[in-house]
Amino acid sequence: MNKITKNKGFTLIEAMVAISVLLIAITGPLSMATQGLRSSRFAKNQIVSFYLAQDAVEYMRGVRDANILSDSAWIGTLYDCIGVYCQVDVTTSSISLCGTECPLLRKSADGLYGYNSEWEETDFRRKVRVYHRIGSNLDEAYVEVEILWDNDTKNYKIRESLFRLN
């Protein structure tokens, strides 16, 4: 009497199919999570760059107002930035020429951005330039601020008008 017994267990093909299904079930959500994290990091950097640009514009507007209040030429201390890149440090109330390249911004433990060498270096670089048309409209200047990050591959640029108020 020969008894034929059924083999119990999985064949090699069944095991490979099961592993493939598990891998697909795991890698799909992981790749979506990775893309979501990358997108949220980019969105965060865009928001930070927007505020860094707006901060510089507001500082330049404040300098213009201080020039007017001190009976100086309204463009006065902004004149050095006409047509060239400057760095604006709102924490020390200073404007200086960048030279060949504007330095990376640094961040304090309190969340302030500036150029203090003791602060943590960031990926952000801020370039500020002023345009003042001589001969056409002497009562208007443009402030252009560009924020660069991710090794200068991503950027945010804003351009605002400043007007003589007196």
Protein backbone atom coordinates (compact mmCIF):
# COMPACT_ATOMS: atom_id res chain seq x y z
CA MET A 1 0.00 0.00 0.00
CA ASN A 2 1.55 3.16 -1.22
CA LYS A 3 0.26 6.25 0.34
CA ILE A 4 0.81 9.52 -1.43
CA THR A 5 1.31 12.30 1.04
CA LYS A 6 0.75 15.90 0.18
CA ASN A 7 3.66 18.18 0.76
CA LYS A 8 2.84 20.76 3.30
CA GLY A 9 4.35 24.23 3.25
CA PHE A 10 5.14 26.83 0.63
CA THR A 11 6.92 26.36 -2.62
CA LEU A 12 9.76 28.65 -3.52
CA ILE A 13 7.59 30.58 -5.98
CA GLU A 14 4.85 31.13 -3.41
CA ALA A 15 7.41 32.42 -0.92
CA MET A 16 8.89 34.85 -3.45
CA VAL A 17 5.44 36.15 -4.41
CA ALA A 18 4.59 36.67 -0.74
CA ILE A 19 7.86 38.53 -0.12
CA SER A 20 7.29 40.70 -3.21
CA VAL A 21 3.81 41.66 -2.03
CA LEU A 22 5.18 42.56 1.41
CA LEU A 23 7.98 44.65 -0.10
CA ILE A 24 5.56 46.58 -2.29
CA ALA A 25 3.26 47.12 0.68
CA ILE A 26 6.15 48.53 2.73
CA THR A 27 8.10 50.57 0.14
CA GLY A 28 5.06 52.44 -1.21
CA PRO A 29 4.20 54.20 2.06
CA LEU A 30 7.89 54.72 2.88
CA SER A 31 8.55 56.48 -0.42
CA MET A 32 5.45 58.64 0.08
CA ALA A 33 6.64 59.54 3.59
CA THR A 34 10.08 60.44 2.24
CA GLN A 35 8.55 62.67 -0.44
CA GLY A 36 6.29 64.27 2.17
CA LEU A 37 9.25 65.06 4.42
CA ARG A 38 11.19 66.52 1.48
CA SER A 39 8.20 68.68 0.51
CA SER A 40 7.67 69.91 4.06
CA ARG A 41 11.37 70.83 4.36
CA PHE A 42 11.16 72.79 1.11
CA ALA A 43 7.99 74.56 2.29
CA LYS A 44 9.65 75.44 5.61
CA ASN A 45 12.67 76.89 3.79
CA GLN A 46 10.39 78.91 1.50
CA ILE A 47 8.62 80.40 4.51
CA VAL A 48 11.91 81.22 6.24
CA SER A 49 13.26 82.81 3.05
CA PHE A 50 10.11 84.91 2.67
CA TYR A 51 10.49 86.27 6.19
CA LEU A 52 14.24 86.87 5.78
CA ALA A 53 13.56 88.85 2.60
CA GLN A 54 10.72 90.84 4.16
CA ASP A 55 12.90 91.53 7.21
CA ALA A 56 15.57 93.11 5.01
CA VAL A 57 13.01 95.18 3.09
CA GLU A 58 11.51 96.49 6.33
CA TYR A 59 14.98 97.32 7.63
CA MET A 60 15.80 99.27 4.45
CA ARG A 61 12.47 101.08 4.78
CA GLY A 62 13.39 101.97 8.36
CA VAL A 63 16.77 103.31 7.21
CA ARG A 64 15.01 105.46 4.62
CA ASP A 65 12.68 106.80 7.34
CA ALA A 66 15.62 107.53 9.66
CA ASN A 67 17.38 109.41 6.84
CA ILE A 68 14.30 111.58 6.32
CA LEU A 69 13.89 112.26 10.04
CA SER A 70 17.54 113.30 10.37
CA ASP A 71 17.20 115.74 7.44
CA SER A 72 19.65 113.69 5.38
CA ALA A 73 19.15 112.79 1.75
CA TRP A 74 16.31 110.28 1.76
CA ILE A 75 18.41 107.65 -0.04
CA GLY A 76 21.46 108.65 2.07
CA THR A 77 22.95 105.61 3.77
CA LEU A 78 21.36 103.27 1.21
CA TYR A 79 23.49 104.83 -1.52
CA ASP A 80 26.34 102.32 -1.01
CA CYS A 81 24.01 99.48 -2.07
CA ILE A 82 22.97 101.03 -5.38
CA GLY A 83 23.72 98.49 -8.10
CA VAL A 84 25.86 96.23 -5.85
CA TYR A 85 25.03 93.51 -3.35
CA CYS A 86 25.01 94.36 0.33
CA GLN A 87 24.48 92.33 3.45
CA VAL A 88 21.92 93.63 5.92
CA ASP A 89 22.25 92.61 9.55
CA VAL A 90 19.15 93.74 11.41
CA THR A 91 20.52 92.43 14.73
CA THR A 92 23.41 94.91 14.65
CA SER A 93 21.66 97.56 12.50
CA SER A 94 24.37 97.44 9.86
CA ILE A 95 24.62 97.47 6.09
CA SER A 96 27.88 96.51 4.40
CA LEU A 97 29.03 95.53 0.93
CA CYS A 98 29.21 91.81 0.20
CA GLY A 99 32.30 91.82 -1.95
CA THR A 100 32.55 88.81 -4.25
CA GLU A 101 29.90 86.76 -2.41
CA CYS A 102 27.47 87.49 0.40
CA PRO A 103 28.15 85.30 3.45
CA LEU A 104 25.79 82.67 4.82
CA LEU A 105 23.40 83.85 7.50
CA ARG A 106 23.77 82.49 11.02
CA LYS A 107 21.03 81.69 13.51
CA SER A 108 21.04 82.36 17.24
CA ALA A 109 19.56 80.04 19.85
CA ASP A 110 16.71 82.59 20.10
CA GLY A 111 15.89 82.22 16.39
CA LEU A 112 17.44 85.50 15.22
CA TYR A 113 19.27 85.58 11.89
CA GLY A 114 22.42 87.65 11.41
CA TYR A 115 26.15 87.39 10.89
CA ASN A 116 27.40 86.82 14.46
CA SER A 117 30.28 84.34 14.18
CA GLU A 118 29.23 82.60 17.41
CA TRP A 119 25.84 81.61 15.99
CA GLU A 120 25.06 78.42 14.09
CA GLU A 121 25.63 78.64 10.33
CA THR A 122 22.55 78.15 8.13
CA ASP A 123 22.04 77.34 4.45
CA PHE A 124 20.56 80.80 3.77
CA ARG A 125 22.36 83.61 1.97
CA ARG A 126 20.76 87.08 1.73
CA LYS A 127 21.69 89.56 -1.01
CA VAL A 128 20.27 93.09 -0.97
CA ARG A 129 20.56 95.57 -3.82
CA VAL A 130 19.11 99.06 -4.34
CA TYR A 131 18.19 100.55 -7.71
CA HIS A 132 17.79 104.32 -7.98
CA ARG A 133 17.16 105.82 -11.37
CA ILE A 134 19.04 109.03 -11.76
CA GLY A 135 17.37 111.51 -14.07
CA SER A 136 13.99 109.81 -14.36
CA ASN A 137 12.16 109.49 -11.04
CA LEU A 138 14.35 110.73 -8.22
CA ASP A 139 11.60 110.11 -5.69
CA GLU A 140 11.63 106.32 -6.07
CA ALA A 141 14.13 103.55 -5.44
CA TYR A 142 13.75 99.79 -5.65
CA VAL A 143 15.01 97.40 -3.01
CA GLU A 144 15.64 93.90 -4.30
CA VAL A 145 16.30 91.11 -1.81
CA GLU A 146 17.25 87.61 -2.89
CA ILE A 147 17.47 84.70 -0.48
CA LEU A 148 19.39 81.63 -1.63
CA TRP A 149 19.55 78.22 0.05
CA ASP A 150 20.47 74.57 -0.66
CA ASN A 151 23.92 75.57 -1.94
CA ASP A 152 22.39 78.45 -3.91
CA THR A 153 20.17 76.13 -5.99
CA LYS A 154 16.88 77.44 -4.55
CA ASN A 155 15.95 81.10 -4.25
CA TYR A 156 13.25 83.55 -3.29
CA LYS A 157 13.36 87.11 -4.63
CA ILE A 158 11.32 90.14 -3.64
CA ARG A 159 11.38 93.66 -5.05
CA GLU A 160 9.79 96.60 -3.26
CA SER A 161 9.58 100.30 -4.05
CA LEU A 162 10.75 102.95 -1.64
CA PHE A 163 9.51 106.50 -2.13
CA ARG A 164 10.68 109.85 -0.86
CA LEU A 165 8.16 110.83 1.79
CA ASN A 166 9.16 114.45 2.42
